[in-house]
């Protein structure tokens, strides 16, 4: 259960991080050419991109995120398996 929860947190964090990085990349690719064209009064070549995020980088980032969160969830999961359920229920009441 702890590993599943930590995996969900890692996956959710990776998705948010990837969405933010794509948004920043889109903003850079739209705003920076306009700034440079107005500053230097020359046009950039068509299709020129300042920032590009390949799919392999996204997959690597998600993999690293999942590995880190699973490793961080191992210790609480191991500790939870060592706790006697009846003793834990008695302490809470």
PDB file of N, CA and C in Angstrom:
ATOM      1  N   UNK A   1       0.812  -1.182   0.000  1.00  0.00           N
ATOM      2  CA  UNK A   1       0.000   0.000   0.000  1.00  0.00           C
ATOM      3  C   UNK A   1       0.869   1.266   0.000  1.00  0.00           C
ATOM      4  N   UNK A   2       1.924   1.245   0.817  1.00  0.00           N
ATOM      5  CA  UNK A   2       2.816   2.399   0.858  1.00  0.00           C
ATOM      6  C   UNK A   2       3.531   2.574  -0.478  1.00  0.00           C
ATOM      7  N   UNK A   3       3.929   1.470  -1.082  1.00  0.00           N
ATOM      8  CA  UNK A   3       4.621   1.557  -2.366  1.00  0.00           C
ATOM      9  C   UNK A   3       3.690   2.080  -3.457  1.00  0.00           C
ATOM     10  N   UNK A   4       2.439   1.659  -3.411  1.00  0.00           N
ATOM     11  CA  UNK A   4       1.471   2.125  -4.395  1.00  0.00           C
ATOM     12  C   UNK A   4       1.225   3.624  -4.234  1.00  0.00           C
ATOM     13  N   UNK A   5       1.081   4.070  -3.000  1.00  0.00           N
ATOM     14  CA  UNK A   5       0.872   5.498  -2.752  1.00  0.00           C
ATOM     15  C   UNK A   5       2.083   6.319  -3.166  1.00  0.00           C
ATOM     16  N   UNK A   6       3.266   5.841  -2.854  1.00  0.00           N
ATOM     17  CA  UNK A   6       4.466   6.596  -3.242  1.00  0.00           C
ATOM     18  C   UNK A   6       4.621   6.603  -4.761  1.00  0.00           C
ATOM     19  N   UNK A   7       4.229   5.522  -5.425  1.00  0.00           N
ATOM     20  CA  UNK A   7       4.278   5.499  -6.890  1.00  0.00           C
ATOM     21  C   UNK A   7       3.305   6.493  -7.489  1.00  0.00           C
ATOM     22  N   UNK A   8       2.113   6.591  -6.918  1.00  0.00           N
ATOM     23  CA  UNK A   8       1.135   7.565  -7.402  1.00  0.00           C
ATOM     24  C   UNK A   8       1.654   8.996  -7.222  1.00  0.00           C
ATOM     25  N   UNK A   9       2.256   9.262  -6.091  1.00  0.00           N
ATOM     26  CA  UNK A   9       2.798  10.593  -5.841  1.00  0.00           C
ATOM     27  C   UNK A   9       3.905  10.902  -6.843  1.00  0.00           C
ATOM     28  N   UNK A  10       4.773   9.937  -7.097  1.00  0.00           N
ATOM     29  CA  UNK A  10       5.849  10.137  -8.068  1.00  0.00           C
ATOM     30  C   UNK A  10       5.324  10.336  -9.478  1.00  0.00           C
ATOM     31  N   UNK A  11       4.338   9.551  -9.864  1.00  0.00           N
ATOM     32  CA  UNK A  11       3.754   9.682 -11.198  1.00  0.00           C
ATOM     33  C   UNK A  11       3.039  11.024 -11.348  1.00  0.00           C
ATOM     34  N   UNK A  12       2.301  11.424 -10.321  1.00  0.00           N
ATOM     35  CA  UNK A  12       1.599  12.706 -10.347  1.00  0.00           C
ATOM     36  C   UNK A  12       2.597  13.864 -10.424  1.00  0.00           C
ATOM     37  N   UNK A  13       3.662  13.777  -9.660  1.00  0.00           N
ATOM     38  CA  UNK A  13       4.699  14.817  -9.698  1.00  0.00           C
ATOM     39  C   UNK A  13       5.395  14.874 -11.046  1.00  0.00           C
ATOM     40  N   UNK A  14       5.643  13.718 -11.641  1.00  0.00           N
ATOM     41  CA  UNK A  14       6.283  13.686 -12.959  1.00  0.00           C
ATOM     42  C   UNK A  14       5.377  14.302 -14.021  1.00  0.00           C
ATOM     43  N   UNK A  15       4.092  14.000 -13.959  1.00  0.00           N
ATOM     44  CA  UNK A  15       3.155  14.556 -14.940  1.00  0.00           C
ATOM     45  C   UNK A  15       3.074  16.073 -14.796  1.00  0.00           C
ATOM     46  N   UNK A  16       3.017  16.560 -13.569  1.00  0.00           N
ATOM     47  CA  UNK A  16       2.977  18.010 -13.348  1.00  0.00           C
ATOM     48  C   UNK A  16       4.272  18.659 -13.829  1.00  0.00           C
ATOM     49  N   UNK A  17       5.401  18.059 -13.524  1.00  0.00           N
ATOM     50  CA  UNK A  17       6.691  18.600 -13.956  1.00  0.00           C
ATOM     51  C   UNK A  17       6.832  18.624 -15.471  1.00  0.00           C
ATOM     52  N   UNK A  18       6.369  17.580 -16.130  1.00  0.00           N
ATOM     53  CA  UNK A  18       6.441  17.529 -17.591  1.00  0.00           C
ATOM     54  C   UNK A  18       5.512  18.562 -18.209  1.00  0.00           C
ATOM     55  N   UNK A  19       4.325  18.718 -17.651  1.00  0.00           N
ATOM     56  CA  UNK A  19       3.389  19.722 -18.178  1.00  0.00           C
ATOM     57  C   UNK A  19       3.959  21.132 -18.021  1.00  0.00           C
ATOM     58  N   UNK A  20       4.562  21.411 -16.875  1.00  0.00           N
ATOM     59  CA  UNK A  20       5.156  22.734 -16.647  1.00  0.00           C
ATOM     60  C   UNK A  20       6.330  22.965 -17.599  1.00  0.00           C
ATOM     61  N   UNK A  21       7.159  21.945 -17.800  1.00  0.00           N
ATOM     62  CA  UNK A  21       8.310  22.119 -18.693  1.00  0.00           C
ATOM     63  C   UNK A  21       7.871  22.314 -20.142  1.00  0.00           C
ATOM     64  N   UNK A  22       6.810  21.617 -20.581  1.00  0.00           N
ATOM     65  CA  UNK A  22       6.296  21.844 -21.930  1.00  0.00           C
ATOM     66  C   UNK A  22       5.705  23.252 -22.058  1.00  0.00           C
ATOM     67  N   UNK A  23       5.032  23.732 -21.025  1.00  0.00           N
ATOM     68  CA  UNK A  23       4.468  25.085 -21.062  1.00  0.00           C
ATOM     69  C   UNK A  23       5.580  26.132 -21.143  1.00  0.00           C
ATOM     70  N   UNK A  24       6.628  25.966 -20.350  1.00  0.00           N
ATOM     71  CA  UNK A  24       7.753  26.900 -20.390  1.00  0.00           C
ATOM     72  C   UNK A  24       8.432  26.847 -21.752  1.00  0.00           C
ATOM     73  N   UNK A  25       8.605  25.658 -22.290  1.00  0.00           N
ATOM     74  CA  UNK A  25       9.212  25.510 -23.612  1.00  0.00           C
ATOM     75  C   UNK A  25       8.378  26.200 -24.685  1.00  0.00           C
ATOM     76  N   UNK A  26       7.063  26.075 -24.606  1.00  0.00           N
ATOM     77  CA  UNK A  26       6.176  26.728 -25.565  1.00  0.00           C
ATOM     78  C   UNK A  26       6.283  28.246 -25.449  1.00  0.00           C
ATOM     79  N   UNK A  27       6.298  28.750 -24.238  1.00  0.00           N
ATOM     80  CA  UNK A  27       6.416  30.195 -24.026  1.00  0.00           C
ATOM     81  C   UNK A  27       7.748  30.714 -24.568  1.00  0.00           C
ATOM     82  N   UNK A  28       8.830  29.974 -24.317  1.00  0.00           N
ATOM     83  CA  UNK A  28      10.148  30.383 -24.814  1.00  0.00           C
ATOM     84  C   UNK A  28      10.155  30.393 -26.337  1.00  0.00           C
ATOM     85  N   UNK A  29       9.567  29.369 -26.955  1.00  0.00           N
ATOM     86  CA  UNK A  29       9.554  29.293 -28.419  1.00  0.00           C
ATOM     87  C   UNK A  29       8.671  30.355 -29.060  1.00  0.00           C
ATOM     88  N   UNK A  30       7.734  30.918 -28.319  1.00  0.00           N
ATOM     89  CA  UNK A  30       6.887  31.978 -28.858  1.00  0.00           C
ATOM     90  C   UNK A  30       7.486  33.357 -28.556  1.00  0.00           C
ATOM     91  N   UNK A  31       7.909  33.579 -27.322  1.00  0.00           N
ATOM     92  CA  UNK A  31       8.328  34.914 -26.896  1.00  0.00           C
ATOM     93  C   UNK A  31       9.749  35.276 -27.340  1.00  0.00           C
ATOM     94  N   UNK A  32      10.675  34.346 -27.252  1.00  0.00           N
ATOM     95  CA  UNK A  32      12.069  34.671 -27.545  1.00  0.00           C
ATOM     96  C   UNK A  32      12.291  35.087 -29.003  1.00  0.00           C
ATOM     97  N   UNK A  33      11.693  34.417 -29.986  1.00  0.00           N
ATOM     98  CA  UNK A  33      11.874  34.913 -31.363  1.00  0.00           C
ATOM     99  C   UNK A  33      11.325  36.326 -31.571  1.00  0.00           C
ATOM    100  N   UNK A  34      10.196  36.648 -30.935  1.00  0.00           N
ATOM    101  CA  UNK A  34       9.653  38.000 -31.070  1.00  0.00           C
ATOM    102  C   UNK A  34      10.603  39.030 -30.467  1.00  0.00           C
ATOM    103  N   UNK A  35      11.191  38.707 -29.325  1.00  0.00           N
ATOM    104  CA  UNK A  35      12.125  39.624 -28.666  1.00  0.00           C
ATOM    105  C   UNK A  35      13.378  39.811 -29.517  1.00  0.00           C
ATOM    106  N   UNK A  36      13.930  38.706 -30.016  1.00  0.00           N
ATOM    107  CA  UNK A  36      15.153  38.797 -30.815  1.00  0.00           C
ATOM    108  C   UNK A  36      14.915  39.493 -32.147  1.00  0.00           C
ATOM    109  N   UNK A  37      13.770  39.243 -32.774  1.00  0.00           N
ATOM    110  CA  UNK A  37      13.472  39.905 -34.048  1.00  0.00           C
ATOM    111  C   UNK A  37      13.296  41.407 -33.870  1.00  0.00           C
ATOM    112  N   UNK A  38      12.689  41.809 -32.769  1.00  0.00           N
ATOM    113  CA  UNK A  38      12.529  43.254 -32.543  1.00  0.00           C
ATOM    114  C   UNK A  38      13.843  43.911 -32.120  1.00  0.00           C
ATOM    115  N   UNK A  39      14.694  43.197 -31.424  1.00  0.00           N
ATOM    116  CA  UNK A  39      15.951  43.772 -30.957  1.00  0.00           C
ATOM    117  C   UNK A  39      16.974  43.888 -32.087  1.00  0.00           C
ATOM    118  N   UNK A  40      17.058  42.866 -32.937  1.00  0.00           N
ATOM    119  CA  UNK A  40      18.077  42.857 -33.987  1.00  0.00           C
ATOM    120  C   UNK A  40      17.521  43.195 -35.368  1.00  0.00           C
ATOM    121  N   UNK A  41      16.224  43.406 -35.468  1.00  0.00           N
ATOM    122  CA  UNK A  41      15.553  43.790 -36.707  1.00  0.00           C
ATOM    123  C   UNK A  41      15.865  42.843 -37.858  1.00  0.00           C
ATOM    124  N   UNK A  42      15.924  41.574 -37.570  1.00  0.00           N
ATOM    125  CA  UNK A  42      16.085  40.559 -38.616  1.00  0.00           C
ATOM    126  C   UNK A  42      15.209  39.365 -38.248  1.00  0.00           C
ATOM    127  N   UNK A  43      14.805  38.624 -39.261  1.00  0.00           N
ATOM    128  CA  UNK A  43      13.907  37.495 -39.020  1.00  0.00           C
ATOM    129  C   UNK A  43      14.690  36.203 -38.850  1.00  0.00           C
ATOM    130  N   UNK A  44      14.184  35.354 -38.014  1.00  0.00           N
ATOM    131  CA  UNK A  44      14.774  34.039 -37.808  1.00  0.00           C
ATOM    132  C   UNK A  44      14.262  33.083 -38.887  1.00  0.00           C
ATOM    133  N   UNK A  45      14.986  32.028 -39.163  1.00  0.00           N
ATOM    134  CA  UNK A  45      14.515  31.055 -40.156  1.00  0.00           C
ATOM    135  C   UNK A  45      13.200  30.407 -39.707  1.00  0.00           C
ATOM    136  N   UNK A  46      12.370  30.030 -40.688  1.00  0.00           N
ATOM    137  CA  UNK A  46      11.101  29.371 -40.366  1.00  0.00           C
ATOM    138  C   UNK A  46      11.359  28.018 -39.714  1.00  0.00           C
ATOM    139  N   UNK A  47      10.567  27.705 -38.708  1.00  0.00           N
ATOM    140  CA  UNK A  47      10.683  26.419 -38.016  1.00  0.00           C
ATOM    141  C   UNK A  47      11.801  26.364 -36.993  1.00  0.00           C
ATOM    142  N   UNK A  48      12.453  27.478 -36.711  1.00  0.00           N
ATOM    143  CA  UNK A  48      13.540  27.508 -35.737  1.00  0.00           C
ATOM    144  C   UNK A  48      12.972  27.417 -34.337  1.00  0.00           C
ATOM    145  N   UNK A  49      13.510  26.507 -33.526  1.00  0.00           N
ATOM    146  CA  UNK A  49      13.065  26.336 -32.143  1.00  0.00           C
ATOM    147  C   UNK A  49      14.240  26.548 -31.199  1.00  0.00           C
ATOM    148  N   UNK A  50      13.975  27.266 -30.141  1.00  0.00           N
ATOM    149  CA  UNK A  50      14.990  27.454 -29.097  1.00  0.00           C
ATOM    150  C   UNK A  50      14.966  26.314 -28.100  1.00  0.00           C
ATOM    151  N   UNK A  51      13.796  25.749 -27.880  1.00  0.00           N
ATOM    152  CA  UNK A  51      13.633  24.706 -26.876  1.00  0.00           C
ATOM    153  C   UNK A  51      12.790  23.570 -27.451  1.00  0.00           C
ATOM    154  N   UNK A  52      13.293  22.354 -27.300  1.00  0.00           N
ATOM    155  CA  UNK A  52      12.551  21.170 -27.737  1.00  0.00           C
ATOM    156  C   UNK A  52      12.757  20.072 -26.698  1.00  0.00           C
ATOM    157  N   UNK A  53      11.686  19.399 -26.341  1.00  0.00           N
ATOM    158  CA  UNK A  53      11.758  18.329 -25.347  1.00  0.00           C
ATOM    159  C   UNK A  53      11.424  17.014 -26.047  1.00  0.00           C
ATOM    160  N   UNK A  54      12.431  16.150 -26.243  1.00  0.00           N
ATOM    161  CA  UNK A  54      12.161  14.882 -26.927  1.00  0.00           C
ATOM    162  C   UNK A  54      11.407  13.895 -26.027  1.00  0.00           C
ATOM    163  N   UNK A  55      10.715  12.962 -26.656  1.00  0.00           N
ATOM    164  CA  UNK A  55       9.939  11.971 -25.918  1.00  0.00           C
ATOM    165  C   UNK A  55      10.837  11.097 -25.043  1.00  0.00           C
ATOM    166  N   UNK A  56      12.041  10.808 -25.498  1.00  0.00           N
ATOM    167  CA  UNK A  56      12.951   9.984 -24.698  1.00  0.00           C
ATOM    168  C   UNK A  56      13.286  10.655 -23.372  1.00  0.00           C
ATOM    169  N   UNK A  57      13.421  11.979 -23.376  1.00  0.00           N
ATOM    170  CA  UNK A  57      13.705  12.702 -22.135  1.00  0.00           C
ATOM    171  C   UNK A  57      12.524  12.622 -21.174  1.00  0.00           C
ATOM    172  N   UNK A  58      11.317  12.686 -21.710  1.00  0.00           N
ATOM    173  CA  UNK A  58      10.111  12.566 -20.880  1.00  0.00           C
ATOM    174  C   UNK A  58      10.053  11.183 -20.240  1.00  0.00           C
ATOM    175  N   UNK A  59      10.319  10.148 -21.017  1.00  0.00           N
ATOM    176  CA  UNK A  59      10.280   8.782 -20.481  1.00  0.00           C
ATOM    177  C   UNK A  59      11.365   8.549 -19.442  1.00  0.00           C
ATOM    178  N   UNK A  60      12.553   9.092 -19.675  1.00  0.00           N
ATOM    179  CA  UNK A  60      13.640   8.958 -18.701  1.00  0.00           C
ATOM    180  C   UNK A  60      13.283   9.672 -17.403  1.00  0.00           C
ATOM    181  N   UNK A  61      12.709  10.870 -17.513  1.00  0.00           N
ATOM    182  CA  UNK A  61      12.320  11.631 -16.314  1.00  0.00           C
ATOM    183  C   UNK A  61      11.251  10.890 -15.522  1.00  0.00           C
ATOM    184  N   UNK A  62      10.270  10.315 -16.217  1.00  0.00           N
ATOM    185  CA  UNK A  62       9.222   9.571 -15.514  1.00  0.00           C
ATOM    186  C   UNK A  62       9.803   8.320 -14.845  1.00  0.00           C
ATOM    187  N   UNK A  63      10.716   7.652 -15.529  1.00  0.00           N
ATOM    188  CA  UNK A  63      11.349   6.467 -14.947  1.00  0.00           C
ATOM    189  C   UNK A  63      12.144   6.794 -13.702  1.00  0.00           C
ATOM    190  N   UNK A  64      12.939   7.847 -13.758  1.00  0.00           N
ATOM    191  CA  UNK A  64      13.722   8.263 -12.591  1.00  0.00           C
ATOM    192  C   UNK A  64      12.804   8.659 -11.445  1.00  0.00           C
ATOM    193  N   UNK A  65      11.740   9.366 -11.764  1.00  0.00           N
ATOM    194  CA  UNK A  65      10.787   9.794 -10.736  1.00  0.00           C
ATOM    195  C   UNK A  65      10.165   8.586 -10.046  1.00  0.00           C
ATOM    196  N   UNK A  66       9.751   7.602 -10.824  1.00  0.00           N
ATOM    197  CA  UNK A  66       9.144   6.407 -10.234  1.00  0.00           C
ATOM    198  C   UNK A  66      10.143   5.618  -9.399  1.00  0.00           C
ATOM    199  N   UNK A  67      11.368   5.491  -9.871  1.00  0.00           N
ATOM    200  CA  UNK A  67      12.386   4.751  -9.120  1.00  0.00           C
ATOM    201  C   UNK A  67      12.662   5.439  -7.781  1.00  0.00           C
ATOM    202  N   UNK A  68      12.804   6.760  -7.798  1.00  0.00           N
ATOM    203  CA  UNK A  68      13.094   7.496  -6.560  1.00  0.00           C
ATOM    204  C   UNK A  68      11.945   7.376  -5.572  1.00  0.00           C
ATOM    205  N   UNK A  69      10.709   7.507  -6.050  1.00  0.00           N
ATOM    206  CA  UNK A  69       9.582   7.438  -5.118  1.00  0.00           C
ATOM    207  C   UNK A  69       9.354   6.023  -4.598  1.00  0.00           C
ATOM    208  N   UNK A  70       9.621   5.024  -5.412  1.00  0.00           N
ATOM    209  CA  UNK A  70       9.499   3.647  -4.922  1.00  0.00           C
ATOM    210  C   UNK A  70      10.575   3.368  -3.873  1.00  0.00           C
ATOM    211  N   UNK A  71      11.787   3.824  -4.138  1.00  0.00           N
ATOM    212  CA  UNK A  71      12.858   3.628  -3.152  1.00  0.00           C
ATOM    213  C   UNK A  71      12.557   4.370  -1.846  1.00  0.00           C
ATOM    214  N   UNK A  72      11.959   5.545  -1.943  1.00  0.00           N
ATOM    215  CA  UNK A  72      11.635   6.274  -0.716  1.00  0.00           C
ATOM    216  C   UNK A  72      10.440   5.669   0.011  1.00  0.00           C
ATOM    217  N   UNK A  73       9.617   4.906  -0.678  1.00  0.00           N
ATOM    218  CA  UNK A  73       8.482   4.250  -0.038  1.00  0.00           C
ATOM    219  C   UNK A  73       8.806   2.885   0.534  1.00  0.00           C
ATOM    220  N   UNK A  74       9.997   2.354   0.236  1.00  0.00           N
ATOM    221  CA  UNK A  74      10.359   1.029   0.740  1.00  0.00           C
ATOM    222  C   UNK A  74      10.482   0.985   2.259  1.00  0.00           C
ATOM    223  N   UNK A  75      11.105   1.980   2.855  1.00  0.00           N
ATOM    224  CA  UNK A  75      11.310   1.966   4.307  1.00  0.00           C
ATOM    225  C   UNK A  75       9.982   2.005   5.078  1.00  0.00           C
ATOM    226  N   UNK A  76       9.061   2.918   4.758  1.00  0.00           N
ATOM    227  CA  UNK A  76       7.780   2.873   5.473  1.00  0.00           C
ATOM    228  C   UNK A  76       7.001   1.583   5.206  1.00  0.00           C
ATOM    229  N   UNK A  77       7.110   1.039   4.009  1.00  0.00           N
ATOM    230  CA  UNK A  77       6.416  -0.217   3.702  1.00  0.00           C
ATOM    231  C   UNK A  77       6.993  -1.359   4.525  1.00  0.00           C
ATOM    232  N   UNK A  78       8.317  -1.393   4.660  1.00  0.00           N
ATOM    233  CA  UNK A  78       8.958  -2.448   5.456  1.00  0.00           C
ATOM    234  C   UNK A  78       8.580  -2.309   6.926  1.00  0.00           C
ATOM    235  N   UNK A  79       8.544  -1.077   7.430  1.00  0.00           N
ATOM    236  CA  UNK A  79       8.163  -0.858   8.825  1.00  0.00           C
ATOM    237  C   UNK A  79       6.702  -1.232   9.060  1.00  0.00           C
ATOM    238  N   UNK A  80       5.856  -0.992   8.080  1.00  0.00           N
ATOM    239  CA  UNK A  80       4.437  -1.311   8.232  1.00  0.00           C
ATOM    240  C   UNK A  80       4.201  -2.816   8.276  1.00  0.00           C
ATOM    241  N   UNK A  81       5.043  -3.589   7.606  1.00  0.00           N
ATOM    242  CA  UNK A  81       4.867  -5.042   7.639  1.00  0.00           C
ATOM    243  C   UNK A  81       5.298  -5.629   8.977  1.00  0.00           C
ATOM    244  N   UNK A  82       6.127  -4.908   9.720  1.00  0.00           N
ATOM    245  CA  UNK A  82       6.605  -5.413  11.006  1.00  0.00           C
ATOM    246  C   UNK A  82       5.668  -5.085  12.168  1.00  0.00           C
ATOM    247  N   UNK A  83       4.683  -4.228  11.955  1.00  0.00           N
ATOM    248  CA  UNK A  83       3.773  -3.815  13.023  1.00  0.00           C
ATOM    249  C   UNK A  83       2.643  -4.827  13.160  1.00  0.00           C
ATOM    250  N   UNK A  84       2.374  -5.215  14.402  1.00  0.00           N
ATOM    251  CA  UNK A  84       1.248  -6.097  14.665  1.00  0.00           C
ATOM    252  C   UNK A  84      -0.047  -5.279  14.583  1.00  0.00           C
ATOM    253  N   UNK A  85      -1.001  -5.748  13.809  1.00  0.00           N
ATOM    254  CA  UNK A  85      -2.226  -4.994  13.548  1.00  0.00           C
ATOM    255  C   UNK A  85      -3.026  -4.780  14.827  1.00  0.00           C
ATOM    256  N   UNK A  86      -3.149  -5.796  15.650  1.00  0.00           N
ATOM    257  CA  UNK A  86      -3.944  -5.663  16.877  1.00  0.00           C
ATOM    258  C   UNK A  86      -3.333  -4.656  17.842  1.00  0.00           C
ATOM    259  N   UNK A  87      -2.011  -4.658  17.973  1.00  0.00           N
ATOM    260  CA  UNK A  87      -1.355  -3.698  18.845  1.00  0.00           C
ATOM    261  C   UNK A  87      -1.529  -2.273  18.317  1.00  0.00           C
ATOM    262  N   UNK A  88      -1.457  -2.110  17.006  1.00  0.00           N
ATOM    263  CA  UNK A  88      -1.633  -0.786  16.426  1.00  0.00           C
ATOM    264  C   UNK A  88      -3.052  -0.285  16.616  1.00  0.00           C
ATOM    265  N   UNK A  89      -4.023  -1.169  16.534  1.00  0.00           N
ATOM    266  CA  UNK A  89      -5.423  -0.752  16.718  1.00  0.00           C
ATOM    267  C   UNK A  89      -5.686  -0.393  18.172  1.00  0.00           C
ATOM    268  N   UNK A  90      -5.091  -1.094  19.117  1.00  0.00           N
ATOM    269  CA  UNK A  90      -5.288  -0.802  20.523  1.00  0.00           C
ATOM    270  C   UNK A  90      -4.717   0.562  20.890  1.00  0.00           C
ATOM    271  N   UNK A  91      -3.581   0.945  20.292  1.00  0.00           N
ATOM    272  CA  UNK A  91      -2.958   2.229  20.602  1.00  0.00           C
ATOM    273  C   UNK A  91      -3.784   3.397  20.093  1.00  0.00           C
ATOM    274  N   UNK A  92      -4.436   3.229  18.971  1.00  0.00           N
ATOM    275  CA  UNK A  92      -5.213   4.340  18.392  1.00  0.00           C
ATOM    276  C   UNK A  92      -6.472   4.606  19.192  1.00  0.00           C
ATOM    277  N   UNK A  93      -7.061   3.605  19.798  1.00  0.00           N
ATOM    278  CA  UNK A  93      -8.307   3.784  20.543  1.00  0.00           C
ATOM    279  C   UNK A  93      -7.951   4.274  21.906  1.00  0.00           C
TER     280      UNK A  93
END
